[in-house]
Amino acid sequence: MTTDVVTDRAPAGTSAAPGRARRRRRWLTQVGWRHVVGVLAVVFSLFPIVFVVSAAFNPLGTLSSTNLAPTNGLSFANFTELFDRTAFGSWFLNSMMIALTASAASVFLSALAAYAFSRMRFRGRRVGLLSLLLIQMFPQFLAIVAIFMIFTTVSEYWPPIGFNSAGGLMLVYLGGALGVNTWLMKGFFDTLPKELDESATMDGASHAQVFFRIILPLAAPILAVAGLLSFITTINEFLIANVFLTDTGSKTLAVGMYGLLEGAERNSNFGIFAAGTLLTAIPTVLVFQFLQRYIVSGLTSGAVKG
């Protein structure tokens, strides 16, 4: 006697489709949306860069004729007009000199102050650290009126560090960068073993010898990071430089480039402005690429201790 057993079986392959759909939905909800956000962030970041590059090589050189993709061919006419019609070369040299000198001086003075706060114990140490922390909470341009009045008097008695001088502008930049650089370097110096100082002192080394021969070589990452941040901040600064520098020959890149977009010439000079913007970005990119290997280690080590 045989019994027929009837079983309800789904056709082959029908059970895999719901599984794939569930996996796809799970991927979209857990991982896929991150890719979407990343792509949008990249597009948002690249849009102004592509627009400026297109405007720089647009032969018409106007804002109204600029598109994301050049439609009139590529031309270097904007770069030629930039050097022929403006003092871009002088602006570039002024900015590089001021940025490099102010950054180097800021890093050196900040390193000296950070070493004193990190390794020495003296009266007023805690008050000094708290004062630096409090001062750097306020933007420097809040004191622009007071600084302007001070340098008005300085210009009368000592013009080399007054208005329209690179020395006076660098002094202002130094005052704004010392606080944050000192705190950043002090945190890094705290991570260095004090036994190195003690062993060098036992061998007869002075504080200056310990600082220059032991601390500074070990602190190369944080020095590079502080120098990079100071350089980028200085070369891109506009407000204070616009107040201090009024002569055409003494202007920096930010001040000179701003003058190209003033008044009714904004539309006609946009191509020249875009060309100058591309050339202005070259020093910052080169400095960033040269010091890139120090950025991660310097920033993370300087943020461990305070």
C-alpha atoms as a PDB file:
ATOM      1  CA  MET A   1       0.000   0.000   0.000  1.00  0.00           C
ATOM      2  CA  THR A   2       1.401   3.260  -1.050  1.00  0.00           C
ATOM      3  CA  THR A   3       0.591   6.634   0.299  1.00  0.00           C
ATOM      4  CA  ASP A   4       0.941   9.774  -1.787  1.00  0.00           C
ATOM      5  CA  VAL A   5       2.481  12.573   0.262  1.00  0.00           C
ATOM      6  CA  VAL A   6       1.700  16.007  -1.029  1.00  0.00           C
ATOM      7  CA  THR A   7       4.158  18.729   0.000  1.00  0.00           C
ATOM      8  CA  ASP A   8       3.899  22.419  -0.760  1.00  0.00           C
ATOM      9  CA  ARG A   9       7.276  23.490  -1.954  1.00  0.00           C
ATOM     10  CA  ALA A  10       8.086  26.915  -3.343  1.00  0.00           C
ATOM     11  CA  PRO A  11       9.650  27.003  -6.749  1.00  0.00           C
ATOM     12  CA  ALA A  12      13.402  27.032  -6.809  1.00  0.00           C
ATOM     13  CA  GLY A  13      14.882  30.530  -6.440  1.00  0.00           C
ATOM     14  CA  THR A  14      11.821  32.214  -4.953  1.00  0.00           C
ATOM     15  CA  SER A  15      13.179  32.180  -1.382  1.00  0.00           C
ATOM     16  CA  ALA A  16      16.472  33.851  -2.376  1.00  0.00           C
ATOM     17  CA  ALA A  17      14.828  36.989  -3.719  1.00  0.00           C
ATOM     18  CA  PRO A  18      13.381  38.164  -0.362  1.00  0.00           C
ATOM     19  CA  GLY A  19      16.775  37.466   1.253  1.00  0.00           C
ATOM     20  CA  ARG A  20      18.595  39.591  -1.272  1.00  0.00           C
ATOM     21  CA  ALA A  21      16.038  42.362  -0.825  1.00  0.00           C
ATOM     22  CA  ARG A  22      16.496  42.301   2.944  1.00  0.00           C
ATOM     23  CA  ARG A  23      20.280  42.421   2.588  1.00  0.00           C
ATOM     24  CA  ARG A  24      19.986  45.317   0.147  1.00  0.00           C
ATOM     25  CA  ARG A  25      17.733  47.271   2.515  1.00  0.00           C
ATOM     26  CA  ARG A  26      20.074  46.523   5.407  1.00  0.00           C
ATOM     27  CA  TRP A  27      23.051  47.769   3.395  1.00  0.00           C
ATOM     28  CA  LEU A  28      21.214  50.961   2.456  1.00  0.00           C
ATOM     29  CA  THR A  29      20.166  51.725   6.032  1.00  0.00           C
ATOM     30  CA  GLN A  30      23.532  50.892   7.651  1.00  0.00           C
ATOM     31  CA  VAL A  31      26.196  51.652   5.049  1.00  0.00           C
ATOM     32  CA  GLY A  32      24.674  52.999   1.862  1.00  0.00           C
ATOM     33  CA  TRP A  33      23.550  56.346   3.257  1.00  0.00           C
ATOM     34  CA  ARG A  34      27.123  57.050   4.322  1.00  0.00           C
ATOM     35  CA  HIS A  35      28.265  56.730   0.721  1.00  0.00           C
ATOM     36  CA  VAL A  36      25.527  59.111  -0.355  1.00  0.00           C
ATOM     37  CA  VAL A  37      26.575  61.667   2.266  1.00  0.00           C
ATOM     38  CA  GLY A  38      30.224  61.262   1.272  1.00  0.00           C
ATOM     39  CA  VAL A  39      29.491  61.808  -2.413  1.00  0.00           C
ATOM     40  CA  LEU A  40      27.411  64.910  -1.635  1.00  0.00           C
ATOM     41  CA  ALA A  41      30.213  66.290   0.549  1.00  0.00           C
ATOM     42  CA  VAL A  42      32.774  65.734  -2.225  1.00  0.00           C
ATOM     43  CA  VAL A  43      30.533  67.391  -4.831  1.00  0.00           C
ATOM     44  CA  PHE A  44      29.868  70.314  -2.488  1.00  0.00           C
ATOM     45  CA  SER A  45      33.607  70.756  -1.880  1.00  0.00           C
ATOM     46  CA  LEU A  46      34.633  70.448  -5.519  1.00  0.00           C
ATOM     47  CA  PHE A  47      32.006  72.830  -6.909  1.00  0.00           C
ATOM     48  CA  PRO A  48      33.772  76.125  -6.014  1.00  0.00           C
ATOM     49  CA  ILE A  49      37.149  74.715  -7.083  1.00  0.00           C
ATOM     50  CA  VAL A  50      35.864  73.641 -10.487  1.00  0.00           C
ATOM     51  CA  PHE A  51      34.058  76.971 -10.914  1.00  0.00           C
ATOM     52  CA  VAL A  52      37.194  79.005 -10.136  1.00  0.00           C
ATOM     53  CA  VAL A  53      39.379  76.866 -12.422  1.00  0.00           C
ATOM     54  CA  SER A  54      36.851  77.301 -15.227  1.00  0.00           C
ATOM     55  CA  ALA A  55      36.737  81.061 -14.669  1.00  0.00           C
ATOM     56  CA  ALA A  56      40.542  81.316 -14.632  1.00  0.00           C
ATOM     57  CA  PHE A  57      40.864  79.712 -18.067  1.00  0.00           C
ATOM     58  CA  ASN A  58      37.785  81.376 -19.559  1.00  0.00           C
ATOM     59  CA  PRO A  59      39.017  83.632 -22.404  1.00  0.00           C
ATOM     60  CA  LEU A  60      36.121  86.083 -21.912  1.00  0.00           C
ATOM     61  CA  GLY A  61      37.161  86.678 -18.299  1.00  0.00           C
ATOM     62  CA  THR A  62      33.780  87.768 -16.949  1.00  0.00           C
ATOM     63  CA  LEU A  63      31.559  86.416 -14.206  1.00  0.00           C
ATOM     64  CA  SER A  64      28.456  86.310 -16.395  1.00  0.00           C
ATOM     65  CA  SER A  65      30.186  84.105 -19.004  1.00  0.00           C
ATOM     66  CA  THR A  66      31.664  81.590 -16.550  1.00  0.00           C
ATOM     67  CA  ASN A  67      30.312  78.037 -16.412  1.00  0.00           C
ATOM     68  CA  LEU A  68      31.407  74.857 -14.683  1.00  0.00           C
ATOM     69  CA  ALA A  69      32.808  73.589 -17.976  1.00  0.00           C
ATOM     70  CA  PRO A  70      34.519  76.137 -20.254  1.00  0.00           C
ATOM     71  CA  THR A  71      32.445  76.612 -23.401  1.00  0.00           C
ATOM     72  CA  ASN A  72      34.745  79.059 -25.209  1.00  0.00           C
ATOM     73  CA  GLY A  73      37.929  77.024 -25.060  1.00  0.00           C
ATOM     74  CA  LEU A  74      40.908  77.383 -22.730  1.00  0.00           C
ATOM     75  CA  SER A  75      43.123  80.437 -22.585  1.00  0.00           C
ATOM     76  CA  PHE A  76      45.893  81.887 -20.405  1.00  0.00           C
ATOM     77  CA  ALA A  77      44.828  85.455 -21.143  1.00  0.00           C
ATOM     78  CA  ASN A  78      43.596  86.027 -17.591  1.00  0.00           C
ATOM     79  CA  PHE A  79      47.010  85.102 -16.170  1.00  0.00           C
ATOM     80  CA  THR A  80      48.731  87.460 -18.606  1.00  0.00           C
ATOM     81  CA  GLU A  81      46.400  90.335 -17.759  1.00  0.00           C
ATOM     82  CA  LEU A  82      46.852  89.640 -14.054  1.00  0.00           C
ATOM     83  CA  PHE A  83      50.563  90.450 -14.225  1.00  0.00           C
ATOM     84  CA  ASP A  84      50.187  93.233 -16.788  1.00  0.00           C
ATOM     85  CA  ARG A  85      47.360  95.187 -15.146  1.00  0.00           C
ATOM     86  CA  THR A  86      48.055  94.607 -11.451  1.00  0.00           C
ATOM     87  CA  ALA A  87      50.998  94.440  -9.034  1.00  0.00           C
ATOM     88  CA  PHE A  88      50.372  90.749  -8.360  1.00  0.00           C
ATOM     89  CA  GLY A  89      54.078  89.929  -8.208  1.00  0.00           C
ATOM     90  CA  SER A  90      54.635  92.525  -5.504  1.00  0.00           C
ATOM     91  CA  TRP A  91      51.578  91.313  -3.564  1.00  0.00           C
ATOM     92  CA  PHE A  92      52.807  87.730  -3.779  1.00  0.00           C
ATOM     93  CA  LEU A  93      56.295  88.575  -2.504  1.00  0.00           C
ATOM     94  CA  ASN A  94      54.883  90.698   0.332  1.00  0.00           C
ATOM     95  CA  SER A  95      52.547  87.917   1.453  1.00  0.00           C
ATOM     96  CA  MET A  96      55.253  85.254   1.325  1.00  0.00           C
ATOM     97  CA  MET A  97      57.731  87.396   3.255  1.00  0.00           C
ATOM     98  CA  ILE A  98      55.201  88.363   5.919  1.00  0.00           C
ATOM     99  CA  ALA A  99      53.734  84.851   6.250  1.00  0.00           C
ATOM    100  CA  LEU A 100      57.088  83.041   6.427  1.00  0.00           C
ATOM    101  CA  THR A 101      58.710  85.543   8.800  1.00  0.00           C
ATOM    102  CA  ALA A 102      55.702  85.857  11.101  1.00  0.00           C
ATOM    103  CA  SER A 103      55.210  82.080  11.190  1.00  0.00           C
ATOM    104  CA  ALA A 104      58.869  81.376  11.996  1.00  0.00           C
ATOM    105  CA  ALA A 105      58.979  84.038  14.710  1.00  0.00           C
ATOM    106  CA  SER A 106      55.661  82.866  16.168  1.00  0.00           C
ATOM    107  CA  VAL A 107      56.795  79.233  16.321  1.00  0.00           C
ATOM    108  CA  PHE A 108      60.112  80.129  17.951  1.00  0.00           C
ATOM    109  CA  LEU A 109      58.631  82.456  20.589  1.00  0.00           C
ATOM    110  CA  SER A 110      55.793  80.035  21.301  1.00  0.00           C
ATOM    111  CA  ALA A 111      58.278  77.192  21.739  1.00  0.00           C
ATOM    112  CA  LEU A 112      60.237  79.239  24.271  1.00  0.00           C
ATOM    113  CA  ALA A 113      57.093  80.091  26.227  1.00  0.00           C
ATOM    114  CA  ALA A 114      55.776  76.520  26.054  1.00  0.00           C
ATOM    115  CA  TYR A 115      59.081  75.128  27.352  1.00  0.00           C
ATOM    116  CA  ALA A 116      59.002  77.525  30.295  1.00  0.00           C
ATOM    117  CA  PHE A 117      55.387  76.657  31.170  1.00  0.00           C
ATOM    118  CA  SER A 118      55.964  72.926  30.748  1.00  0.00           C
ATOM    119  CA  ARG A 119      59.303  72.393  32.468  1.00  0.00           C
ATOM    120  CA  MET A 120      59.638  75.204  35.009  1.00  0.00           C
ATOM    121  CA  ARG A 121      57.684  76.061  38.147  1.00  0.00           C
ATOM    122  CA  PHE A 122      57.493  79.746  39.006  1.00  0.00           C
ATOM    123  CA  ARG A 123      55.134  82.244  40.576  1.00  0.00           C
ATOM    124  CA  GLY A 124      52.374  83.301  38.224  1.00  0.00           C
ATOM    125  CA  ARG A 125      52.645  80.194  36.027  1.00  0.00           C
ATOM    126  CA  ARG A 126      49.014  79.158  36.451  1.00  0.00           C
ATOM    127  CA  VAL A 127      47.788  82.735  36.039  1.00  0.00           C
ATOM    128  CA  GLY A 128      49.820  83.082  32.867  1.00  0.00           C
ATOM    129  CA  LEU A 129      48.384  79.896  31.370  1.00  0.00           C
ATOM    130  CA  LEU A 130      44.840  80.890  32.219  1.00  0.00           C
ATOM    131  CA  SER A 131      45.429  84.370  30.813  1.00  0.00           C
ATOM    132  CA  LEU A 132      46.624  82.925  27.510  1.00  0.00           C
ATOM    133  CA  LEU A 133      43.593  80.655  27.390  1.00  0.00           C
ATOM    134  CA  LEU A 134      41.236  83.549  28.118  1.00  0.00           C
ATOM    135  CA  ILE A 135      42.816  85.947  25.623  1.00  0.00           C
ATOM    136  CA  GLN A 136      42.704  83.521  22.718  1.00  0.00           C
ATOM    137  CA  MET A 137      38.940  83.086  23.195  1.00  0.00           C
ATOM    138  CA  PHE A 138      38.418  86.584  21.763  1.00  0.00           C
ATOM    139  CA  PRO A 139      39.055  87.170  18.049  1.00  0.00           C
ATOM    140  CA  GLN A 140      41.885  89.532  17.279  1.00  0.00           C
ATOM    141  CA  PHE A 141      39.788  91.813  15.092  1.00  0.00           C
ATOM    142  CA  LEU A 142      37.739  92.828  18.168  1.00  0.00           C
ATOM    143  CA  ALA A 143      40.723  94.947  19.183  1.00  0.00           C
ATOM    144  CA  ILE A 144      41.213  96.441  15.714  1.00  0.00           C
ATOM    145  CA  VAL A 145      40.164  99.930  16.841  1.00  0.00           C
ATOM    146  CA  ALA A 146      42.601  99.927  19.753  1.00  0.00           C
ATOM    147  CA  ILE A 147      45.384  98.538  17.548  1.00  0.00           C
ATOM    148  CA  PHE A 148      44.650 101.193  14.929  1.00  0.00           C
ATOM    149  CA  MET A 149      44.947 103.989  17.500  1.00  0.00           C
ATOM    150  CA  ILE A 150      48.200 102.565  18.865  1.00  0.00           C
ATOM    151  CA  PHE A 151      49.822 102.286  15.451  1.00  0.00           C
ATOM    152  CA  THR A 152      48.628 105.754  14.481  1.00  0.00           C
ATOM    153  CA  THR A 153      50.921 107.093  17.199  1.00  0.00           C
ATOM    154  CA  VAL A 154      53.670 104.569  16.392  1.00  0.00           C
ATOM    155  CA  SER A 155      53.657 105.645  12.733  1.00  0.00           C
ATOM    156  CA  GLU A 156      54.428 109.219  13.746  1.00  0.00           C
ATOM    157  CA  TYR A 157      57.493 108.359  15.850  1.00  0.00           C
ATOM    158  CA  TRP A 158      58.766 105.161  14.169  1.00  0.00           C
ATOM    159  CA  PRO A 159      57.449 104.731  10.591  1.00  0.00           C
ATOM    160  CA  PRO A 160      59.371 101.454   9.872  1.00  0.00           C
ATOM    161  CA  ILE A 161      56.925  99.557  12.115  1.00  0.00           C
ATOM    162  CA  GLY A 162      53.872 101.717  11.485  1.00  0.00           C
ATOM    163  CA  PHE A 163      51.237 101.688   8.756  1.00  0.00           C
ATOM    164  CA  ASN A 164      52.155 100.414   5.283  1.00  0.00           C
ATOM    165  CA  SER A 165      55.083  98.446   6.726  1.00  0.00           C
ATOM    166  CA  ALA A 166      55.592  94.709   6.866  1.00  0.00           C
ATOM    167  CA  GLY A 167      57.211  94.972  10.305  1.00  0.00           C
ATOM    168  CA  GLY A 168      54.172  96.533  11.959  1.00  0.00           C
ATOM    169  CA  LEU A 169      51.791  94.004  10.412  1.00  0.00           C
ATOM    170  CA  MET A 170      53.979  91.112  11.566  1.00  0.00           C
ATOM    171  CA  LEU A 171      53.951  92.441  15.128  1.00  0.00           C
ATOM    172  CA  VAL A 172      50.165  92.355  15.111  1.00  0.00           C
ATOM    173  CA  TYR A 173      50.129  88.821  13.706  1.00  0.00           C
ATOM    174  CA  LEU A 174      52.594  87.662  16.365  1.00  0.00           C
ATOM    175  CA  GLY A 175      50.337  88.873  19.137  1.00  0.00           C
ATOM    176  CA  GLY A 176      47.413  86.891  17.790  1.00  0.00           C
ATOM    177  CA  ALA A 177      49.280  83.610  17.211  1.00  0.00           C
ATOM    178  CA  LEU A 178      51.363  83.285  20.372  1.00  0.00           C
ATOM    179  CA  GLY A 179      48.498  82.203  22.628  1.00  0.00           C
ATOM    180  CA  VAL A 180      47.167  79.233  20.701  1.00  0.00           C
ATOM    181  CA  ASN A 181      50.629  78.065  19.602  1.00  0.00           C
ATOM    182  CA  THR A 182      51.928  78.205  23.165  1.00  0.00           C
ATOM    183  CA  TRP A 183      49.071  76.055  24.443  1.00  0.00           C
ATOM    184  CA  LEU A 184      49.474  73.587  21.587  1.00  0.00           C
ATOM    185  CA  MET A 185      53.220  73.203  22.120  1.00  0.00           C
ATOM    186  CA  LYS A 186      52.916  73.092  25.896  1.00  0.00           C
ATOM    187  CA  GLY A 187      50.640  70.063  25.604  1.00  0.00           C
ATOM    188  CA  PHE A 188      53.200  68.336  23.390  1.00  0.00           C
ATOM    189  CA  PHE A 189      56.130  69.193  25.672  1.00  0.00           C
ATOM    190  CA  ASP A 190      54.240  67.656  28.598  1.00  0.00           C
ATOM    191  CA  THR A 191      54.287  64.296  26.807  1.00  0.00           C
ATOM    192  CA  LEU A 192      58.092  64.297  26.549  1.00  0.00           C
ATOM    193  CA  PRO A 193      59.779  62.433  29.457  1.00  0.00           C
ATOM    194  CA  LYS A 194      61.321  64.780  31.990  1.00  0.00           C
ATOM    195  CA  GLU A 195      64.037  62.195  32.584  1.00  0.00           C
ATOM    196  CA  LEU A 196      65.678  63.440  29.383  1.00  0.00           C
ATOM    197  CA  ASP A 197      66.036  66.899  30.891  1.00  0.00           C
ATOM    198  CA  GLU A 198      67.303  65.524  34.178  1.00  0.00           C
ATOM    199  CA  SER A 199      69.928  63.298  32.573  1.00  0.00           C
ATOM    200  CA  ALA A 200      71.159  66.171  30.406  1.00  0.00           C
ATOM    201  CA  THR A 201      71.315  68.451  33.454  1.00  0.00           C
ATOM    202  CA  MET A 202      73.332  65.833  35.327  1.00  0.00           C
ATOM    203  CA  ASP A 203      75.810  65.883  32.443  1.00  0.00           C
ATOM    204  CA  GLY A 204      76.183  69.637  32.846  1.00  0.00           C
ATOM    205  CA  ALA A 205      73.787  70.916  30.176  1.00  0.00           C
ATOM    206  CA  SER A 206      72.100  74.277  30.717  1.00  0.00           C
ATOM    207  CA  HIS A 207      68.425  75.023  30.094  1.00  0.00           C
ATOM    208  CA  ALA A 208      69.300  76.514  26.717  1.00  0.00           C
ATOM    209  CA  GLN A 209      71.261  73.433  25.688  1.00  0.00           C
ATOM    210  CA  VAL A 210      68.444  71.136  26.805  1.00  0.00           C
ATOM    211  CA  PHE A 211      65.940  73.196  24.849  1.00  0.00           C
ATOM    212  CA  PHE A 212      67.878  73.463  21.585  1.00  0.00           C
ATOM    213  CA  ARG A 213      69.596  70.056  21.520  1.00  0.00           C
ATOM    214  CA  ILE A 214      66.980  67.768  23.090  1.00  0.00           C
ATOM    215  CA  ILE A 215      63.511  69.303  23.186  1.00  0.00           C
ATOM    216  CA  LEU A 216      63.383  70.980  19.770  1.00  0.00           C
ATOM    217  CA  PRO A 217      64.508  67.909  17.762  1.00  0.00           C
ATOM    218  CA  LEU A 218      61.896  65.785  19.539  1.00  0.00           C
ATOM    219  CA  ALA A 219      59.230  68.460  19.061  1.00  0.00           C
ATOM    220  CA  ALA A 220      59.608  68.624  15.262  1.00  0.00           C
ATOM    221  CA  PRO A 221      56.022  67.384  14.625  1.00  0.00           C
ATOM    222  CA  ILE A 222      54.329  70.053  16.748  1.00  0.00           C
ATOM    223  CA  LEU A 223      56.665  72.746  15.401  1.00  0.00           C
ATOM    224  CA  ALA A 224      55.650  71.802  11.871  1.00  0.00           C
ATOM    225  CA  VAL A 225      51.954  71.844  12.736  1.00  0.00           C
ATOM    226  CA  ALA A 226      52.162  75.214  14.499  1.00  0.00           C
ATOM    227  CA  GLY A 227      54.133  76.662  11.609  1.00  0.00           C
ATOM    228  CA  LEU A 228      51.637  75.348   9.070  1.00  0.00           C
ATOM    229  CA  LEU A 229      48.643  76.760  10.940  1.00  0.00           C
ATOM    230  CA  SER A 230      50.366  80.119  11.397  1.00  0.00           C
ATOM    231  CA  PHE A 231      51.353  80.272   7.732  1.00  0.00           C
ATOM    232  CA  ILE A 232      47.849  79.501   6.454  1.00  0.00           C
ATOM    233  CA  THR A 233      46.248  81.965   8.857  1.00  0.00           C
ATOM    234  CA  THR A 234      48.682  84.751   8.006  1.00  0.00           C
ATOM    235  CA  ILE A 235      48.652  84.413   4.227  1.00  0.00           C
ATOM    236  CA  ASN A 236      44.836  84.328   4.147  1.00  0.00           C
ATOM    237  CA  GLU A 237      44.231  87.163   6.641  1.00  0.00           C
ATOM    238  CA  PHE A 238      42.406  90.150   5.174  1.00  0.00           C
ATOM    239  CA  LEU A 239      40.766  92.417   7.766  1.00  0.00           C
ATOM    240  CA  ILE A 240      43.837  93.594   9.675  1.00  0.00           C
ATOM    241  CA  ALA A 241      45.981  93.758   6.530  1.00  0.00           C
ATOM    242  CA  ASN A 242      43.343  95.901   4.828  1.00  0.00           C
ATOM    243  CA  VAL A 243      43.518  98.395   7.703  1.00  0.00           C
ATOM    244  CA  PHE A 244      47.319  98.510   7.920  1.00  0.00           C
ATOM    245  CA  LEU A 245      48.279  98.404   4.242  1.00  0.00           C
ATOM    246  CA  THR A 246      46.958 101.076   1.881  1.00  0.00           C
ATOM    247  CA  ASP A 247      49.827 101.621  -0.580  1.00  0.00           C
ATOM    248  CA  THR A 248      49.652  99.517  -3.736  1.00  0.00           C
ATOM    249  CA  GLY A 249      53.220  98.270  -3.361  1.00  0.00           C
ATOM    250  CA  SER A 250      52.792  97.189   0.262  1.00  0.00           C
ATOM    251  CA  LYS A 251      49.531  95.251  -0.133  1.00  0.00           C
ATOM    252  CA  THR A 252      49.283  91.537   0.484  1.00  0.00           C
ATOM    253  CA  LEU A 253      47.525  89.034  -1.744  1.00  0.00           C
ATOM    254  CA  ALA A 254      44.259  89.151   0.189  1.00  0.00           C
ATOM    255  CA  VAL A 255      44.061  92.961   0.084  1.00  0.00           C
ATOM    256  CA  GLY A 256      45.183  93.278  -3.512  1.00  0.00           C
ATOM    257  CA  MET A 257      42.864  90.561  -4.784  1.00  0.00           C
ATOM    258  CA  TYR A 258      39.929  92.145  -2.971  1.00  0.00           C
ATOM    259  CA  GLY A 259      40.524  95.354  -4.882  1.00  0.00           C
ATOM    260  CA  LEU A 260      39.872  93.538  -8.162  1.00  0.00           C
ATOM    261  CA  LEU A 261      36.254  92.917  -7.173  1.00  0.00           C
ATOM    262  CA  GLU A 262      35.422  96.386  -5.879  1.00  0.00           C
ATOM    263  CA  GLY A 263      32.759  98.538  -7.489  1.00  0.00           C
ATOM    264  CA  ALA A 264      31.475  98.020 -11.012  1.00  0.00           C
ATOM    265  CA  GLU A 265      34.549  96.041 -12.137  1.00  0.00           C
ATOM    266  CA  ARG A 266      33.430  92.908 -10.315  1.00  0.00           C
ATOM    267  CA  ASN A 267      32.063  91.290 -13.469  1.00  0.00           C
ATOM    268  CA  SER A 268      34.880  92.201 -15.861  1.00  0.00           C
ATOM    269  CA  ASN A 269      37.731  91.344 -13.443  1.00  0.00           C
ATOM    270  CA  PHE A 270      36.407  88.011 -12.230  1.00  0.00           C
ATOM    271  CA  GLY A 271      38.572  85.993 -14.617  1.00  0.00           C
ATOM    272  CA  ILE A 272      41.697  87.816 -13.433  1.00  0.00           C
ATOM    273  CA  PHE A 273      40.606  87.302  -9.832  1.00  0.00           C
ATOM    274  CA  ALA A 274      40.148  83.560 -10.417  1.00  0.00           C
ATOM    275  CA  ALA A 275      43.589  83.301 -12.009  1.00  0.00           C
ATOM    276  CA  GLY A 276      45.155  85.063  -9.037  1.00  0.00           C
ATOM    277  CA  THR A 277      43.274  82.763  -6.676  1.00  0.00           C
ATOM    278  CA  LEU A 278      44.797  79.676  -8.303  1.00  0.00           C
ATOM    279  CA  LEU A 279      48.299  81.128  -8.052  1.00  0.00           C
ATOM    280  CA  THR A 280      47.692  82.145  -4.448  1.00  0.00           C
ATOM    281  CA  ALA A 281      46.778  78.576  -3.497  1.00  0.00           C
ATOM    282  CA  ILE A 282      50.100  77.164  -4.736  1.00  0.00           C
ATOM    283  CA  PRO A 283      52.261  78.174  -1.697  1.00  0.00           C
ATOM    284  CA  THR A 284      49.689  76.871   0.790  1.00  0.00           C
ATOM    285  CA  VAL A 285      49.391  73.535  -1.014  1.00  0.00           C
ATOM    286  CA  LEU A 286      53.176  73.145  -1.233  1.00  0.00           C
ATOM    287  CA  VAL A 287      53.696  73.914   2.449  1.00  0.00           C
ATOM    288  CA  PHE A 288      50.866  71.556   3.397  1.00  0.00           C
ATOM    289  CA  GLN A 289      52.286  68.716   1.287  1.00  0.00           C
ATOM    290  CA  PHE A 290      55.791  69.267   2.665  1.00  0.00           C
ATOM    291  CA  LEU A 291      54.618  69.138   6.300  1.00  0.00           C
ATOM    292  CA  GLN A 292      51.796  66.621   5.852  1.00  0.00           C
ATOM    293  CA  ARG A 293      53.584  63.753   7.588  1.00  0.00           C
ATOM    294  CA  TYR A 294      53.787  65.758  10.812  1.00  0.00           C
ATOM    295  CA  ILE A 295      50.154  66.854  10.987  1.00  0.00           C
ATOM    296  CA  VAL A 296      48.497  63.774  12.505  1.00  0.00           C
ATOM    297  CA  SER A 297      51.193  62.999  15.059  1.00  0.00           C
ATOM    298  CA  GLY A 298      51.651  66.630  16.035  1.00  0.00           C
ATOM    299  CA  LEU A 299      47.984  67.451  16.535  1.00  0.00           C
ATOM    300  CA  THR A 300      47.122  64.267  18.444  1.00  0.00           C
ATOM    301  CA  SER A 301      50.154  64.458  20.704  1.00  0.00           C
ATOM    302  CA  GLY A 302      49.592  68.120  21.469  1.00  0.00           C
ATOM    303  CA  ALA A 303      45.990  67.491  22.460  1.00  0.00           C
ATOM    304  CA  VAL A 304      46.657  64.716  24.996  1.00  0.00           C
ATOM    305  CA  LYS A 305      47.772  66.885  27.886  1.00  0.00           C
ATOM    306  CA  GLY A 306      47.007  70.476  28.765  1.00  0.00           C
END
